[in-house]
N, C-alpha and C. Protein backbone atom coordinates (compact mmCIF):
# COMPACT_ATOMS: atom_id res chain seq x y z
N MET A 1 76.67 85.41 84.33
CA MET A 1 78.07 85.77 84.32
C MET A 1 78.89 84.57 84.77
N GLY A 2 79.67 84.03 83.87
CA GLY A 2 80.45 82.86 84.19
C GLY A 2 81.83 83.20 84.72
N VAL A 3 82.61 82.17 84.87
CA VAL A 3 83.97 82.34 85.38
C VAL A 3 84.80 83.19 84.42
N GLU A 4 84.60 82.99 83.10
CA GLU A 4 85.37 83.75 82.11
C GLU A 4 85.15 85.25 82.29
N SER A 5 83.89 85.67 82.50
CA SER A 5 83.58 87.08 82.68
C SER A 5 84.28 87.64 83.91
N THR A 6 84.25 86.91 84.98
CA THR A 6 84.88 87.35 86.22
C THR A 6 86.38 87.48 86.03
N GLU A 7 87.02 86.51 85.36
CA GLU A 7 88.45 86.58 85.11
C GLU A 7 88.80 87.76 84.22
N GLN A 8 87.95 88.02 83.23
CA GLN A 8 88.18 89.13 82.31
C GLN A 8 88.14 90.46 83.07
N VAL A 9 87.16 90.65 83.93
CA VAL A 9 87.04 91.88 84.70
C VAL A 9 88.23 92.03 85.63
N THR A 10 88.63 90.97 86.31
CA THR A 10 89.77 91.02 87.22
C THR A 10 91.04 91.38 86.45
N GLU A 11 91.22 90.78 85.28
CA GLU A 11 92.39 91.06 84.46
C GLU A 11 92.39 92.51 84.00
N GLN A 12 91.22 93.02 83.62
CA GLN A 12 91.09 94.39 83.16
C GLN A 12 91.45 95.36 84.28
N VAL A 13 90.93 95.14 85.48
CA VAL A 13 91.25 96.00 86.61
C VAL A 13 92.74 95.96 86.88
N THR A 14 93.34 94.80 86.82
CA THR A 14 94.77 94.65 87.05
C THR A 14 95.56 95.48 86.04
N GLU A 15 95.15 95.45 84.78
CA GLU A 15 95.82 96.23 83.75
C GLU A 15 95.69 97.73 84.03
N GLN A 16 94.52 98.15 84.50
CA GLN A 16 94.30 99.56 84.78
C GLN A 16 95.12 100.01 85.99
N VAL A 17 95.17 99.18 87.02
CA VAL A 17 95.98 99.50 88.19
C VAL A 17 97.45 99.54 87.79
N ALA A 18 97.88 98.61 86.97
CA ALA A 18 99.27 98.60 86.49
C ALA A 18 99.56 99.86 85.68
N SER A 19 98.60 100.30 84.88
CA SER A 19 98.76 101.54 84.11
C SER A 19 98.93 102.73 85.04
N LEU A 20 98.10 102.77 86.08
CA LEU A 20 98.18 103.85 87.06
C LEU A 20 99.56 103.86 87.73
N LEU A 21 100.00 102.70 88.19
CA LEU A 21 101.30 102.62 88.85
C LEU A 21 102.42 103.00 87.88
N GLY A 22 102.24 102.64 86.63
CA GLY A 22 103.26 102.93 85.61
C GLY A 22 103.47 104.41 85.35
N VAL A 23 102.45 105.23 85.56
CA VAL A 23 102.60 106.68 85.32
C VAL A 23 103.01 107.43 86.58
N MET A 24 103.05 106.74 87.70
CA MET A 24 103.44 107.38 88.96
C MET A 24 104.95 107.29 89.14
N SER A 25 105.56 108.41 89.50
CA SER A 25 106.99 108.42 89.79
C SER A 25 107.20 107.88 91.19
N GLU A 26 108.23 107.08 91.35
CA GLU A 26 108.54 106.52 92.66
C GLU A 26 108.91 107.64 93.64
N ASN A 27 108.40 107.55 94.85
CA ASN A 27 108.67 108.52 95.91
C ASN A 27 108.19 109.94 95.60
N THR A 28 107.18 110.06 94.74
CA THR A 28 106.61 111.36 94.41
C THR A 28 105.10 111.27 94.57
N ALA A 29 104.51 112.29 95.17
CA ALA A 29 103.06 112.35 95.31
C ALA A 29 102.47 113.09 94.11
N HIS A 30 101.34 112.61 93.63
CA HIS A 30 100.68 113.16 92.44
C HIS A 30 99.25 113.56 92.77
N THR A 31 98.78 114.64 92.15
CA THR A 31 97.38 115.01 92.30
C THR A 31 96.54 114.12 91.38
N ARG A 32 95.24 114.09 91.65
CA ARG A 32 94.32 113.34 90.79
C ARG A 32 94.40 113.86 89.37
N ALA A 33 94.42 115.18 89.21
CA ALA A 33 94.46 115.78 87.88
C ALA A 33 95.72 115.38 87.11
N GLU A 34 96.86 115.35 87.79
CA GLU A 34 98.11 114.94 87.15
C GLU A 34 98.03 113.51 86.65
N LEU A 35 97.50 112.64 87.49
CA LEU A 35 97.40 111.23 87.12
C LEU A 35 96.43 111.03 85.96
N MET A 36 95.30 111.72 86.01
CA MET A 36 94.32 111.60 84.92
C MET A 36 94.92 112.09 83.60
N LYS A 37 95.68 113.16 83.65
CA LYS A 37 96.31 113.69 82.44
C LYS A 37 97.31 112.69 81.88
N LYS A 38 98.13 112.11 82.74
CA LYS A 38 99.13 111.13 82.30
C LYS A 38 98.47 109.90 81.68
N LEU A 39 97.28 109.56 82.16
CA LEU A 39 96.55 108.39 81.64
C LEU A 39 95.62 108.77 80.48
N SER A 40 95.57 110.04 80.14
CA SER A 40 94.69 110.56 79.08
C SER A 40 93.22 110.27 79.38
N LEU A 41 92.83 110.45 80.64
CA LEU A 41 91.45 110.22 81.04
C LEU A 41 90.76 111.57 81.28
N LYS A 42 89.51 111.67 80.86
CA LYS A 42 88.75 112.90 81.03
C LYS A 42 87.75 112.83 82.17
N ARG A 43 87.16 111.67 82.39
CA ARG A 43 86.09 111.54 83.38
C ARG A 43 86.63 111.10 84.73
N ARG A 44 86.40 111.94 85.73
CA ARG A 44 86.88 111.65 87.09
C ARG A 44 86.26 110.37 87.62
N GLU A 45 84.98 110.13 87.29
CA GLU A 45 84.29 108.93 87.78
C GLU A 45 84.97 107.67 87.26
N THR A 46 85.35 107.68 85.98
CA THR A 46 86.03 106.53 85.39
C THR A 46 87.37 106.31 86.06
N PHE A 47 88.13 107.38 86.25
CA PHE A 47 89.43 107.27 86.90
C PHE A 47 89.28 106.71 88.31
N HIS A 48 88.34 107.24 89.06
CA HIS A 48 88.16 106.80 90.44
C HIS A 48 87.73 105.33 90.50
N ALA A 49 86.72 104.97 89.73
CA ALA A 49 86.16 103.61 89.82
C ALA A 49 87.10 102.54 89.26
N ASN A 50 87.79 102.83 88.17
CA ASN A 50 88.56 101.80 87.48
C ASN A 50 90.05 101.79 87.80
N TYR A 51 90.57 102.90 88.25
CA TYR A 51 92.00 102.99 88.49
C TYR A 51 92.33 103.22 89.98
N LEU A 52 91.85 104.35 90.50
CA LEU A 52 92.27 104.76 91.83
C LEU A 52 91.70 103.88 92.94
N LYS A 53 90.40 103.65 92.93
CA LYS A 53 89.78 102.86 94.00
C LYS A 53 90.38 101.45 94.10
N PRO A 54 90.49 100.71 92.99
CA PRO A 54 91.10 99.38 93.10
C PRO A 54 92.56 99.44 93.58
N ALA A 55 93.30 100.46 93.17
CA ALA A 55 94.70 100.59 93.59
C ALA A 55 94.79 100.89 95.08
N LEU A 56 93.89 101.74 95.57
CA LEU A 56 93.86 102.06 97.00
C LEU A 56 93.44 100.84 97.81
N GLU A 57 92.41 100.12 97.36
CA GLU A 57 91.92 98.95 98.09
C GLU A 57 92.97 97.84 98.14
N ALA A 58 93.76 97.72 97.09
CA ALA A 58 94.80 96.69 97.06
C ALA A 58 96.09 97.17 97.74
N THR A 59 96.06 98.38 98.25
CA THR A 59 97.19 99.04 98.93
C THR A 59 98.44 99.17 98.06
N PHE A 60 98.24 99.38 96.76
CA PHE A 60 99.34 99.67 95.85
C PHE A 60 99.61 101.18 95.84
N VAL A 61 98.59 101.94 96.23
CA VAL A 61 98.64 103.40 96.25
C VAL A 61 98.08 103.86 97.59
N GLU A 62 98.61 104.97 98.11
CA GLU A 62 98.10 105.53 99.36
C GLU A 62 97.86 107.03 99.20
N MET A 63 96.99 107.55 100.06
CA MET A 63 96.70 108.98 100.07
C MET A 63 97.70 109.68 100.98
N THR A 64 98.05 110.92 100.62
CA THR A 64 98.95 111.68 101.48
C THR A 64 98.20 112.26 102.68
N ILE A 65 96.88 112.43 102.54
CA ILE A 65 96.05 112.93 103.65
C ILE A 65 94.92 111.91 103.86
N PRO A 66 95.21 110.77 104.47
CA PRO A 66 94.21 109.69 104.58
C PRO A 66 92.96 110.08 105.36
N ASP A 67 93.05 111.02 106.29
CA ASP A 67 91.89 111.40 107.08
C ASP A 67 90.92 112.30 106.32
N LYS A 68 91.36 112.86 105.19
CA LYS A 68 90.52 113.77 104.41
C LYS A 68 90.56 113.35 102.94
N SER A 69 89.83 112.30 102.63
CA SER A 69 89.90 111.71 101.29
C SER A 69 89.46 112.66 100.18
N ILE A 70 88.63 113.67 100.48
CA ILE A 70 88.18 114.57 99.43
C ILE A 70 88.82 115.96 99.52
N SER A 71 89.91 116.06 100.24
CA SER A 71 90.62 117.33 100.35
C SER A 71 91.13 117.78 98.98
N ARG A 72 91.06 119.07 98.71
CA ARG A 72 91.58 119.60 97.44
C ARG A 72 93.10 119.49 97.40
N LEU A 73 93.72 119.28 98.54
CA LEU A 73 95.17 119.13 98.62
C LEU A 73 95.63 117.67 98.56
N GLN A 74 94.67 116.75 98.41
CA GLN A 74 94.97 115.32 98.41
C GLN A 74 95.90 114.96 97.26
N LYS A 75 96.87 114.12 97.58
CA LYS A 75 97.76 113.56 96.56
C LYS A 75 97.89 112.06 96.81
N TYR A 76 98.42 111.38 95.82
CA TYR A 76 98.54 109.92 95.89
C TYR A 76 99.97 109.53 95.56
N ARG A 77 100.45 108.47 96.22
CA ARG A 77 101.80 107.97 95.95
C ARG A 77 101.79 106.45 96.01
N GLN A 78 102.77 105.85 95.34
CA GLN A 78 102.92 104.40 95.37
C GLN A 78 103.33 103.97 96.77
N THR A 79 102.82 102.83 97.18
CA THR A 79 103.29 102.22 98.42
C THR A 79 104.46 101.31 98.07
N GLU A 80 105.09 100.78 99.08
CA GLU A 80 106.17 99.80 98.87
C GLU A 80 105.63 98.61 98.07
N LYS A 81 104.40 98.20 98.39
CA LYS A 81 103.75 97.08 97.69
C LYS A 81 103.56 97.40 96.21
N GLY A 82 103.17 98.64 95.93
CA GLY A 82 102.99 99.08 94.54
C GLY A 82 104.31 99.09 93.78
N GLN A 83 105.35 99.54 94.44
CA GLN A 83 106.68 99.56 93.81
C GLN A 83 107.16 98.15 93.53
N GLN A 84 106.90 97.23 94.46
CA GLN A 84 107.30 95.84 94.26
C GLN A 84 106.55 95.21 93.09
N LEU A 85 105.26 95.55 92.95
CA LEU A 85 104.47 95.02 91.83
C LEU A 85 105.08 95.46 90.51
N LEU A 86 105.46 96.71 90.40
CA LEU A 86 106.07 97.21 89.16
C LEU A 86 107.38 96.50 88.86
N LYS A 87 108.17 96.27 89.88
CA LYS A 87 109.48 95.62 89.68
C LYS A 87 109.34 94.16 89.28
N SER A 88 108.22 93.54 89.67
CA SER A 88 108.03 92.12 89.37
C SER A 88 107.49 91.88 87.96
N GLU A 89 107.02 92.94 87.31
CA GLU A 89 106.45 92.77 85.97
C GLU A 89 107.50 92.78 84.89
């Protein structure tokens, strides 16, 4: 795996995170199901691994119940950093 492969993967993740941020309304919390529907995704594993996890790790998105990551009431919202990223594009 060369440098090109690494750059390609990083760019792909960035596009997916940008897509996730793009479907989120500012100052509104969304359920996982709502976000997956807006992105036309069927597999929860794909959504989590490629969209949600990278966005959470980069602090573009935050959980409304951070102490209970698998709560059925969990929702996600853009952080200030996530909003700034959208405005800069």
